[in-house]
Amino acid sequence: MGEAKRRKLAGTYPDTSKPRVKELSISYPGRWLTDQFGYEPVGIALAQNIMFGNVPNNQGDCMQRGYHAWRLLKDLGIDVQWVYGSMVAKVGTGQMDSIVFGTEDQYVMQTDDGWLGHTWLRGADGSLADFTVGRWPEITAEHVPGLPPIQWRMQIPDHWWVIPEKTGFIRAVDKSAPRAHPEFAEVIYREFGDASEYFADELPALEEEYQQAAPTLMRVIRELQSRWRGRHSRPDVVSMSNTSEVKHASTS
């Protein structure tokens, strides 16, 4: 029996179906590509560094961001799964201008210095959401002895929430796929499994952090939505899903 299942049976697994919050009805404008492509308040809020300001520049925060995003979107009623694996991207034109979140052979591993791997969200519609993208340059900026610094040439937004096969540059594969060798500006996610089970021991602390962050998240989202309604109704940007009313969990 897995650790996550034992926790559920013992009653020590965080009950994410009953958040300690009251429901608030808000209008969610849909999934938008961000940066120069469009506007999407929930994703932008989740990608803002204000929510994760205690993370050093040279360290990743995909576990925290992934969990917060998963919990928030579950409260919104959006069907997503928090998953883990490895990620490799060719961000420059040089032979060494690649980044890998995981081991050299693109697997995951727990080491004395921390976990090697990555987490993101996978939607029931096949979408992939990663709210750490904007931090990749600073995470990978630390000089590695014996290697030249990475020369970034790839332009990236603060996050993406996309259907991979429709982007032309993001691929999602499973752990049985061969080791990937991306072309310039190509990103490959290798999914291994359910992050909520893999990180079962971390969930109580992550849930506590999420509950503390919920008021700030809601405030940021409300401000972004107000701005979107007032100034970003752009006919030239195509939404990836229809505008809908949803029930959003929020503390007050």
C-alpha atoms as a PDB file:
ATOM      1  CA  MET A   1       0.000   0.000   0.000  1.00  0.00           C
ATOM      2  CA  GLY A   2       1.376   3.403  -0.956  1.00  0.00           C
ATOM      3  CA  GLU A   3       2.136   6.099   1.596  1.00  0.00           C
ATOM      4  CA  ALA A   4      -0.548   8.391   0.160  1.00  0.00           C
ATOM      5  CA  LYS A   5      -3.217   5.679   0.458  1.00  0.00           C
ATOM      6  CA  ARG A   6      -2.183   4.897   4.047  1.00  0.00           C
ATOM      7  CA  ARG A   7      -2.488   8.585   4.902  1.00  0.00           C
ATOM      8  CA  LYS A   8      -5.964   8.774   3.418  1.00  0.00           C
ATOM      9  CA  LEU A   9      -7.133   5.720   5.361  1.00  0.00           C
ATOM     10  CA  ALA A  10      -5.575   7.044   8.564  1.00  0.00           C
ATOM     11  CA  GLY A  11      -7.234  10.416   8.143  1.00  0.00           C
ATOM     12  CA  THR A  12      -3.940  12.322   8.062  1.00  0.00           C
ATOM     13  CA  TYR A  13      -4.096  13.185   4.364  1.00  0.00           C
ATOM     14  CA  PRO A  14      -5.194  16.815   3.757  1.00  0.00           C
ATOM     15  CA  ASP A  15      -8.875  16.925   2.769  1.00  0.00           C
ATOM     16  CA  THR A  16      -8.758  19.228  -0.243  1.00  0.00           C
ATOM     17  CA  SER A  17     -12.464  18.660  -0.982  1.00  0.00           C
ATOM     18  CA  LYS A  18     -13.456  20.797   2.032  1.00  0.00           C
ATOM     19  CA  PRO A  19     -11.355  23.964   2.078  1.00  0.00           C
ATOM     20  CA  ARG A  20     -11.581  26.119   5.214  1.00  0.00           C
ATOM     21  CA  VAL A  21     -13.060  28.936   3.182  1.00  0.00           C
ATOM     22  CA  LYS A  22     -16.375  30.364   2.083  1.00  0.00           C
ATOM     23  CA  GLU A  23     -17.460  30.352  -1.549  1.00  0.00           C
ATOM     24  CA  LEU A  24     -17.505  33.511  -3.627  1.00  0.00           C
ATOM     25  CA  SER A  25     -19.006  33.658  -7.085  1.00  0.00           C
ATOM     26  CA  ILE A  26     -16.732  35.405  -9.596  1.00  0.00           C
ATOM     27  CA  SER A  27     -16.528  35.673 -13.352  1.00  0.00           C
ATOM     28  CA  TYR A  28     -13.547  33.829 -14.817  1.00  0.00           C
ATOM     29  CA  PRO A  29     -12.698  35.065 -18.324  1.00  0.00           C
ATOM     30  CA  GLY A  30     -11.155  31.845 -19.576  1.00  0.00           C
ATOM     31  CA  ARG A  31      -7.689  30.513 -20.318  1.00  0.00           C
ATOM     32  CA  TRP A  32      -5.523  32.998 -22.108  1.00  0.00           C
ATOM     33  CA  LEU A  33      -1.990  32.887 -23.382  1.00  0.00           C
ATOM     34  CA  THR A  34      -0.055  35.546 -21.521  1.00  0.00           C
ATOM     35  CA  ASP A  35       2.621  38.152 -22.141  1.00  0.00           C
ATOM     36  CA  GLN A  36       2.404  39.515 -25.701  1.00  0.00           C
ATOM     37  CA  PHE A  37      -0.260  36.949 -26.576  1.00  0.00           C
ATOM     38  CA  GLY A  38      -3.076  37.907 -24.242  1.00  0.00           C
ATOM     39  CA  TYR A  39      -4.233  38.124 -20.644  1.00  0.00           C
ATOM     40  CA  GLU A  40      -5.303  35.570 -18.042  1.00  0.00           C
ATOM     41  CA  PRO A  41      -5.790  36.758 -14.438  1.00  0.00           C
ATOM     42  CA  VAL A  42      -5.622  33.437 -12.574  1.00  0.00           C
ATOM     43  CA  GLY A  43      -2.389  32.392 -14.240  1.00  0.00           C
ATOM     44  CA  ILE A  44      -0.760  35.771 -13.784  1.00  0.00           C
ATOM     45  CA  ALA A  45      -1.654  35.764 -10.078  1.00  0.00           C
ATOM     46  CA  LEU A  46      -0.149  32.308  -9.639  1.00  0.00           C
ATOM     47  CA  ALA A  47       3.004  33.324 -11.503  1.00  0.00           C
ATOM     48  CA  GLN A  48       3.663  36.466  -9.483  1.00  0.00           C
ATOM     49  CA  ASN A  49       6.750  36.321  -7.281  1.00  0.00           C
ATOM     50  CA  ILE A  50       4.898  38.198  -4.538  1.00  0.00           C
ATOM     51  CA  MET A  51       3.371  34.857  -3.549  1.00  0.00           C
ATOM     52  CA  PHE A  52       6.726  33.107  -3.203  1.00  0.00           C
ATOM     53  CA  GLY A  53       9.108  35.847  -2.172  1.00  0.00           C
ATOM     54  CA  ASN A  54      11.019  33.696   0.329  1.00  0.00           C
ATOM     55  CA  VAL A  55      12.478  31.414  -2.362  1.00  0.00           C
ATOM     56  CA  PRO A  56      16.142  32.177  -3.199  1.00  0.00           C
ATOM     57  CA  ASN A  57      16.787  33.227  -6.796  1.00  0.00           C
ATOM     58  CA  ASN A  58      18.859  30.128  -7.562  1.00  0.00           C
ATOM     59  CA  GLN A  59      16.295  27.654  -6.207  1.00  0.00           C
ATOM     60  CA  GLY A  60      13.170  26.339  -7.849  1.00  0.00           C
ATOM     61  CA  ASP A  61       9.722  26.625  -6.323  1.00  0.00           C
ATOM     62  CA  CYS A  62       7.772  24.340  -8.628  1.00  0.00           C
ATOM     63  CA  MET A  63       6.491  22.224  -5.732  1.00  0.00           C
ATOM     64  CA  GLN A  64       4.994  25.226  -3.924  1.00  0.00           C
ATOM     65  CA  ARG A  65       3.672  26.935  -7.054  1.00  0.00           C
ATOM     66  CA  GLY A  66       2.315  23.670  -8.442  1.00  0.00           C
ATOM     67  CA  TYR A  67       0.455  22.847  -5.250  1.00  0.00           C
ATOM     68  CA  HIS A  68      -0.967  26.363  -4.870  1.00  0.00           C
ATOM     69  CA  ALA A  69      -2.124  26.305  -8.491  1.00  0.00           C
ATOM     70  CA  TRP A  70      -3.656  22.837  -8.158  1.00  0.00           C
ATOM     71  CA  ARG A  71      -5.555  23.806  -5.003  1.00  0.00           C
ATOM     72  CA  LEU A  72      -6.774  27.115  -6.377  1.00  0.00           C
ATOM     73  CA  LEU A  73      -7.988  25.617  -9.645  1.00  0.00           C
ATOM     74  CA  LYS A  74      -9.689  22.754  -7.802  1.00  0.00           C
ATOM     75  CA  ASP A  75     -11.550  25.400  -5.787  1.00  0.00           C
ATOM     76  CA  LEU A  76     -12.455  27.095  -9.066  1.00  0.00           C
ATOM     77  CA  GLY A  77     -13.939  23.835 -10.314  1.00  0.00           C
ATOM     78  CA  ILE A  78     -11.357  23.413 -13.080  1.00  0.00           C
ATOM     79  CA  ASP A  79     -10.349  19.785 -13.617  1.00  0.00           C
ATOM     80  CA  VAL A  80      -6.550  19.609 -13.411  1.00  0.00           C
ATOM     81  CA  GLN A  81      -4.032  17.150 -12.038  1.00  0.00           C
ATOM     82  CA  TRP A  82      -0.792  18.105 -10.314  1.00  0.00           C
ATOM     83  CA  VAL A  83       1.943  15.961 -11.872  1.00  0.00           C
ATOM     84  CA  TYR A  84       5.704  15.558 -11.534  1.00  0.00           C
ATOM     85  CA  GLY A  85       8.547  14.551 -13.809  1.00  0.00           C
ATOM     86  CA  SER A  86      11.427  16.215 -15.607  1.00  0.00           C
ATOM     87  CA  MET A  87      11.659  19.058 -18.086  1.00  0.00           C
ATOM     88  CA  VAL A  88      14.290  19.901 -20.684  1.00  0.00           C
ATOM     89  CA  ALA A  89      14.414  23.026 -22.850  1.00  0.00           C
ATOM     90  CA  LYS A  90      16.856  24.370 -25.447  1.00  0.00           C
ATOM     91  CA  VAL A  91      16.922  28.065 -24.569  1.00  0.00           C
ATOM     92  CA  GLY A  92      19.904  29.164 -26.656  1.00  0.00           C
ATOM     93  CA  THR A  93      21.572  28.301 -29.930  1.00  0.00           C
ATOM     94  CA  GLY A  94      24.821  26.979 -28.455  1.00  0.00           C
ATOM     95  CA  GLN A  95      25.529  23.320 -27.796  1.00  0.00           C
ATOM     96  CA  MET A  96      25.430  23.848 -24.011  1.00  0.00           C
ATOM     97  CA  ASP A  97      22.459  26.229 -23.926  1.00  0.00           C
ATOM     98  CA  SER A  98      19.956  23.726 -22.539  1.00  0.00           C
ATOM     99  CA  ILE A  99      18.322  23.570 -19.110  1.00  0.00           C
ATOM    100  CA  VAL A 100      17.167  20.396 -17.374  1.00  0.00           C
ATOM    101  CA  PHE A 101      14.960  20.157 -14.307  1.00  0.00           C
ATOM    102  CA  GLY A 102      15.780  16.609 -13.286  1.00  0.00           C
ATOM    103  CA  THR A 103      18.786  14.357 -13.617  1.00  0.00           C
ATOM    104  CA  GLU A 104      21.135  14.347 -16.614  1.00  0.00           C
ATOM    105  CA  ASP A 105      19.225  11.399 -18.068  1.00  0.00           C
ATOM    106  CA  GLN A 106      15.941  13.314 -17.543  1.00  0.00           C
ATOM    107  CA  TYR A 107      14.614  11.344 -14.587  1.00  0.00           C
ATOM    108  CA  VAL A 108      13.869  12.528 -11.040  1.00  0.00           C
ATOM    109  CA  MET A 109      15.938  11.992  -7.919  1.00  0.00           C
ATOM    110  CA  GLN A 110      16.065  12.998  -4.259  1.00  0.00           C
ATOM    111  CA  THR A 111      19.572  14.110  -3.253  1.00  0.00           C
ATOM    112  CA  ASP A 112      21.208  15.530  -0.135  1.00  0.00           C
ATOM    113  CA  ASP A 113      20.997  18.979  -1.749  1.00  0.00           C
ATOM    114  CA  GLY A 114      17.328  18.704  -2.669  1.00  0.00           C
ATOM    115  CA  TRP A 115      14.986  17.203  -5.216  1.00  0.00           C
ATOM    116  CA  LEU A 116      15.885  17.035  -8.889  1.00  0.00           C
ATOM    117  CA  GLY A 117      12.755  17.269 -11.000  1.00  0.00           C
ATOM    118  CA  HIS A 118       9.822  19.488 -11.894  1.00  0.00           C
ATOM    119  CA  THR A 119       6.072  19.751 -11.303  1.00  0.00           C
ATOM    120  CA  TRP A 120       3.284  21.257 -13.407  1.00  0.00           C
ATOM    121  CA  LEU A 121      -0.453  20.845 -14.047  1.00  0.00           C
ATOM    122  CA  ARG A 122      -2.183  18.683 -16.654  1.00  0.00           C
ATOM    123  CA  GLY A 123      -5.797  19.437 -17.528  1.00  0.00           C
ATOM    124  CA  ALA A 124      -8.533  16.990 -18.458  1.00  0.00           C
ATOM    125  CA  ASP A 125      -8.625  18.749 -21.844  1.00  0.00           C
ATOM    126  CA  GLY A 126      -4.947  17.920 -22.464  1.00  0.00           C
ATOM    127  CA  SER A 127      -3.727  21.357 -21.439  1.00  0.00           C
ATOM    128  CA  LEU A 128      -0.431  21.940 -19.647  1.00  0.00           C
ATOM    129  CA  ALA A 129       0.061  24.763 -17.153  1.00  0.00           C
ATOM    130  CA  ASP A 130       3.409  25.801 -15.699  1.00  0.00           C
ATOM    131  CA  PHE A 131       3.542  28.878 -13.464  1.00  0.00           C
ATOM    132  CA  THR A 132       7.329  28.835 -12.953  1.00  0.00           C
ATOM    133  CA  VAL A 133       8.376  29.695 -16.508  1.00  0.00           C
ATOM    134  CA  GLY A 134       9.239  33.321 -15.815  1.00  0.00           C
ATOM    135  CA  ARG A 135      11.751  32.291 -13.125  1.00  0.00           C
ATOM    136  CA  TRP A 136      13.725  29.885 -15.289  1.00  0.00           C
ATOM    137  CA  PRO A 137      16.469  32.370 -16.267  1.00  0.00           C
ATOM    138  CA  GLU A 138      17.247  33.323 -12.649  1.00  0.00           C
ATOM    139  CA  ILE A 139      16.994  29.722 -11.420  1.00  0.00           C
ATOM    140  CA  THR A 140      19.561  28.620 -14.009  1.00  0.00           C
ATOM    141  CA  ALA A 141      21.799  31.697 -13.811  1.00  0.00           C
ATOM    142  CA  GLU A 142      24.189  30.253 -11.197  1.00  0.00           C
ATOM    143  CA  HIS A 143      27.563  29.438 -12.738  1.00  0.00           C
ATOM    144  CA  VAL A 144      28.457  25.756 -12.894  1.00  0.00           C
ATOM    145  CA  PRO A 145      32.219  25.190 -12.621  1.00  0.00           C
ATOM    146  CA  GLY A 146      33.695  23.878 -15.838  1.00  0.00           C
ATOM    147  CA  LEU A 147      30.731  24.945 -17.975  1.00  0.00           C
ATOM    148  CA  PRO A 148      30.090  28.207 -19.838  1.00  0.00           C
ATOM    149  CA  PRO A 149      27.104  30.282 -18.680  1.00  0.00           C
ATOM    150  CA  ILE A 150      23.820  29.604 -20.465  1.00  0.00           C
ATOM    151  CA  GLN A 151      23.152  32.116 -23.231  1.00  0.00           C
ATOM    152  CA  TRP A 152      19.407  32.668 -23.252  1.00  0.00           C
ATOM    153  CA  ARG A 153      17.928  33.434 -26.669  1.00  0.00           C
ATOM    154  CA  MET A 154      14.448  32.009 -26.158  1.00  0.00           C
ATOM    155  CA  GLN A 155      11.711  34.523 -25.306  1.00  0.00           C
ATOM    156  CA  ILE A 156       9.407  33.253 -22.554  1.00  0.00           C
ATOM    157  CA  PRO A 157       6.333  34.651 -20.762  1.00  0.00           C
ATOM    158  CA  ASP A 158       5.825  34.541 -16.986  1.00  0.00           C
ATOM    159  CA  HIS A 159       3.884  31.293 -17.402  1.00  0.00           C
ATOM    160  CA  TRP A 160       1.993  29.274 -19.954  1.00  0.00           C
ATOM    161  CA  TRP A 161      -1.311  27.442 -19.916  1.00  0.00           C
ATOM    162  CA  VAL A 162      -1.596  25.777 -23.287  1.00  0.00           C
ATOM    163  CA  ILE A 163      -2.530  22.748 -25.344  1.00  0.00           C
ATOM    164  CA  PRO A 164       1.031  21.496 -26.046  1.00  0.00           C
ATOM    165  CA  GLU A 165       0.474  20.207 -29.566  1.00  0.00           C
ATOM    166  CA  LYS A 166      -1.063  23.530 -30.601  1.00  0.00           C
ATOM    167  CA  THR A 167       1.998  25.556 -29.573  1.00  0.00           C
ATOM    168  CA  GLY A 168       4.488  24.063 -32.003  1.00  0.00           C
ATOM    169  CA  PHE A 169       7.251  24.207 -29.379  1.00  0.00           C
ATOM    170  CA  ILE A 170       6.014  22.351 -26.257  1.00  0.00           C
ATOM    171  CA  ARG A 171       5.855  18.555 -26.129  1.00  0.00           C
ATOM    172  CA  ALA A 172       4.455  16.375 -23.342  1.00  0.00           C
ATOM    173  CA  VAL A 173       5.682  12.768 -23.140  1.00  0.00           C
ATOM    174  CA  ASP A 174       5.532   9.991 -20.560  1.00  0.00           C
ATOM    175  CA  LYS A 175       8.423   8.407 -18.674  1.00  0.00           C
ATOM    176  CA  SER A 176       8.778   5.581 -21.204  1.00  0.00           C
ATOM    177  CA  ALA A 177       9.807   8.026 -23.946  1.00  0.00           C
ATOM    178  CA  PRO A 178      13.485   8.047 -24.970  1.00  0.00           C
ATOM    179  CA  ARG A 179      15.794  10.774 -23.733  1.00  0.00           C
ATOM    180  CA  ALA A 180      14.828  14.003 -25.447  1.00  0.00           C
ATOM    181  CA  HIS A 181      17.137  16.275 -27.441  1.00  0.00           C
ATOM    182  CA  PRO A 182      15.105  19.431 -28.066  1.00  0.00           C
ATOM    183  CA  GLU A 183      15.733  21.866 -30.871  1.00  0.00           C
ATOM    184  CA  PHE A 184      16.217  25.561 -30.145  1.00  0.00           C
ATOM    185  CA  ALA A 185      13.193  27.072 -28.334  1.00  0.00           C
ATOM    186  CA  GLU A 186      11.637  23.633 -27.797  1.00  0.00           C
ATOM    187  CA  VAL A 187      10.428  22.493 -24.364  1.00  0.00           C
ATOM    188  CA  ILE A 188       9.769  18.853 -23.453  1.00  0.00           C
ATOM    189  CA  TYR A 189       7.922  17.734 -20.315  1.00  0.00           C
ATOM    190  CA  ARG A 190       8.333  14.101 -19.233  1.00  0.00           C
ATOM    191  CA  GLU A 191       5.516  13.113 -16.879  1.00  0.00           C
ATOM    192  CA  PHE A 192       6.123  10.440 -14.223  1.00  0.00           C
ATOM    193  CA  GLY A 193       2.948  10.480 -12.138  1.00  0.00           C
ATOM    194  CA  ASP A 194       0.672  12.099  -9.567  1.00  0.00           C
ATOM    195  CA  ALA A 195       2.574  14.716  -7.546  1.00  0.00           C
ATOM    196  CA  SER A 196       0.056  14.619  -4.679  1.00  0.00           C
ATOM    197  CA  GLU A 197       1.028  11.004  -4.048  1.00  0.00           C
ATOM    198  CA  TYR A 198       4.741  11.483  -4.693  1.00  0.00           C
ATOM    199  CA  PHE A 199       4.908  14.396  -2.233  1.00  0.00           C
ATOM    200  CA  ALA A 200       2.433  12.934   0.273  1.00  0.00           C
ATOM    201  CA  ASP A 201       4.677  13.740   3.249  1.00  0.00           C
ATOM    202  CA  GLU A 202       4.850  17.399   2.191  1.00  0.00           C
ATOM    203  CA  LEU A 203       1.115  17.963   1.740  1.00  0.00           C
ATOM    204  CA  PRO A 204       0.177  19.099   5.271  1.00  0.00           C
ATOM    205  CA  ALA A 205       2.769  21.888   5.192  1.00  0.00           C
ATOM    206  CA  LEU A 206       1.851  22.837   1.614  1.00  0.00           C
ATOM    207  CA  GLU A 207      -1.837  22.979   2.510  1.00  0.00           C
ATOM    208  CA  GLU A 208      -1.135  25.219   5.480  1.00  0.00           C
ATOM    209  CA  GLU A 209       0.855  27.561   3.233  1.00  0.00           C
ATOM    210  CA  TYR A 210      -1.970  27.580   0.694  1.00  0.00           C
ATOM    211  CA  GLN A 211      -4.586  28.520   3.286  1.00  0.00           C
ATOM    212  CA  GLN A 212      -2.382  31.379   4.474  1.00  0.00           C
ATOM    213  CA  ALA A 213      -1.845  32.570   0.896  1.00  0.00           C
ATOM    214  CA  ALA A 214      -5.493  32.310  -0.201  1.00  0.00           C
ATOM    215  CA  PRO A 215      -6.523  35.853   0.841  1.00  0.00           C
ATOM    216  CA  THR A 216      -3.605  37.411  -1.051  1.00  0.00           C
ATOM    217  CA  LEU A 217      -4.243  35.227  -4.096  1.00  0.00           C
ATOM    218  CA  MET A 218      -7.886  36.264  -4.146  1.00  0.00           C
ATOM    219  CA  ARG A 219      -7.026  39.941  -3.772  1.00  0.00           C
ATOM    220  CA  VAL A 220      -4.551  39.774  -6.671  1.00  0.00           C
ATOM    221  CA  ILE A 221      -7.020  37.876  -8.862  1.00  0.00           C
ATOM    222  CA  ARG A 222      -9.834  40.331  -8.139  1.00  0.00           C
ATOM    223  CA  GLU A 223      -7.578  43.275  -9.015  1.00  0.00           C
ATOM    224  CA  LEU A 224      -6.434  41.603 -12.232  1.00  0.00           C
ATOM    225  CA  GLN A 225     -10.003  40.714 -13.198  1.00  0.00           C
ATOM    226  CA  SER A 226     -11.150  44.274 -12.631  1.00  0.00           C
ATOM    227  CA  ARG A 227      -8.311  45.514 -14.821  1.00  0.00           C
ATOM    228  CA  TRP A 228      -9.143  42.903 -17.457  1.00  0.00           C
ATOM    229  CA  ARG A 229     -12.810  43.876 -17.557  1.00  0.00           C
ATOM    230  CA  GLY A 230     -12.008  47.577 -17.693  1.00  0.00           C
ATOM    231  CA  ARG A 231      -9.105  47.771 -20.121  1.00  0.00           C
ATOM    232  CA  HIS A 232      -8.290  44.390 -21.691  1.00  0.00           C
ATOM    233  CA  SER A 233     -11.394  43.431 -23.631  1.00  0.00           C
ATOM    234  CA  ARG A 234      -9.433  42.817 -26.822  1.00  0.00           C
ATOM    235  CA  PRO A 235     -11.235  41.454 -29.910  1.00  0.00           C
ATOM    236  CA  ASP A 236      -7.921  40.426 -31.489  1.00  0.00           C
ATOM    237  CA  VAL A 237      -7.123  37.921 -28.708  1.00  0.00           C
ATOM    238  CA  VAL A 238      -8.835  34.540 -28.917  1.00  0.00           C
ATOM    239  CA  SER A 239      -9.825  32.851 -25.650  1.00  0.00           C
ATOM    240  CA  MET A 240      -8.959  29.184 -25.181  1.00  0.00           C
ATOM    241  CA  SER A 241     -12.240  28.588 -23.345  1.00  0.00           C
ATOM    242  CA  ASN A 242     -15.544  30.298 -22.887  1.00  0.00           C
ATOM    243  CA  THR A 243     -16.204  32.891 -20.210  1.00  0.00           C
ATOM    244  CA  SER A 244     -18.040  31.255 -17.353  1.00  0.00           C
ATOM    245  CA  GLU A 245     -19.290  31.868 -13.846  1.00  0.00           C
ATOM    246  CA  VAL A 246     -17.560  29.632 -11.343  1.00  0.00           C
ATOM    247  CA  LYS A 247     -17.553  29.085  -7.613  1.00  0.00           C
ATOM    248  CA  HIS A 248     -14.254  30.231  -6.164  1.00  0.00           C
ATOM    249  CA  ALA A 249     -13.054  29.444  -2.675  1.00  0.00           C
ATOM    250  CA  SER A 250     -11.798  32.442  -0.767  1.00  0.00           C
ATOM    251  CA  THR A 251     -11.025  33.338   2.784  1.00  0.00           C
ATOM    252  CA  SER A 252     -12.327  36.627   4.085  1.00  0.00           C
END
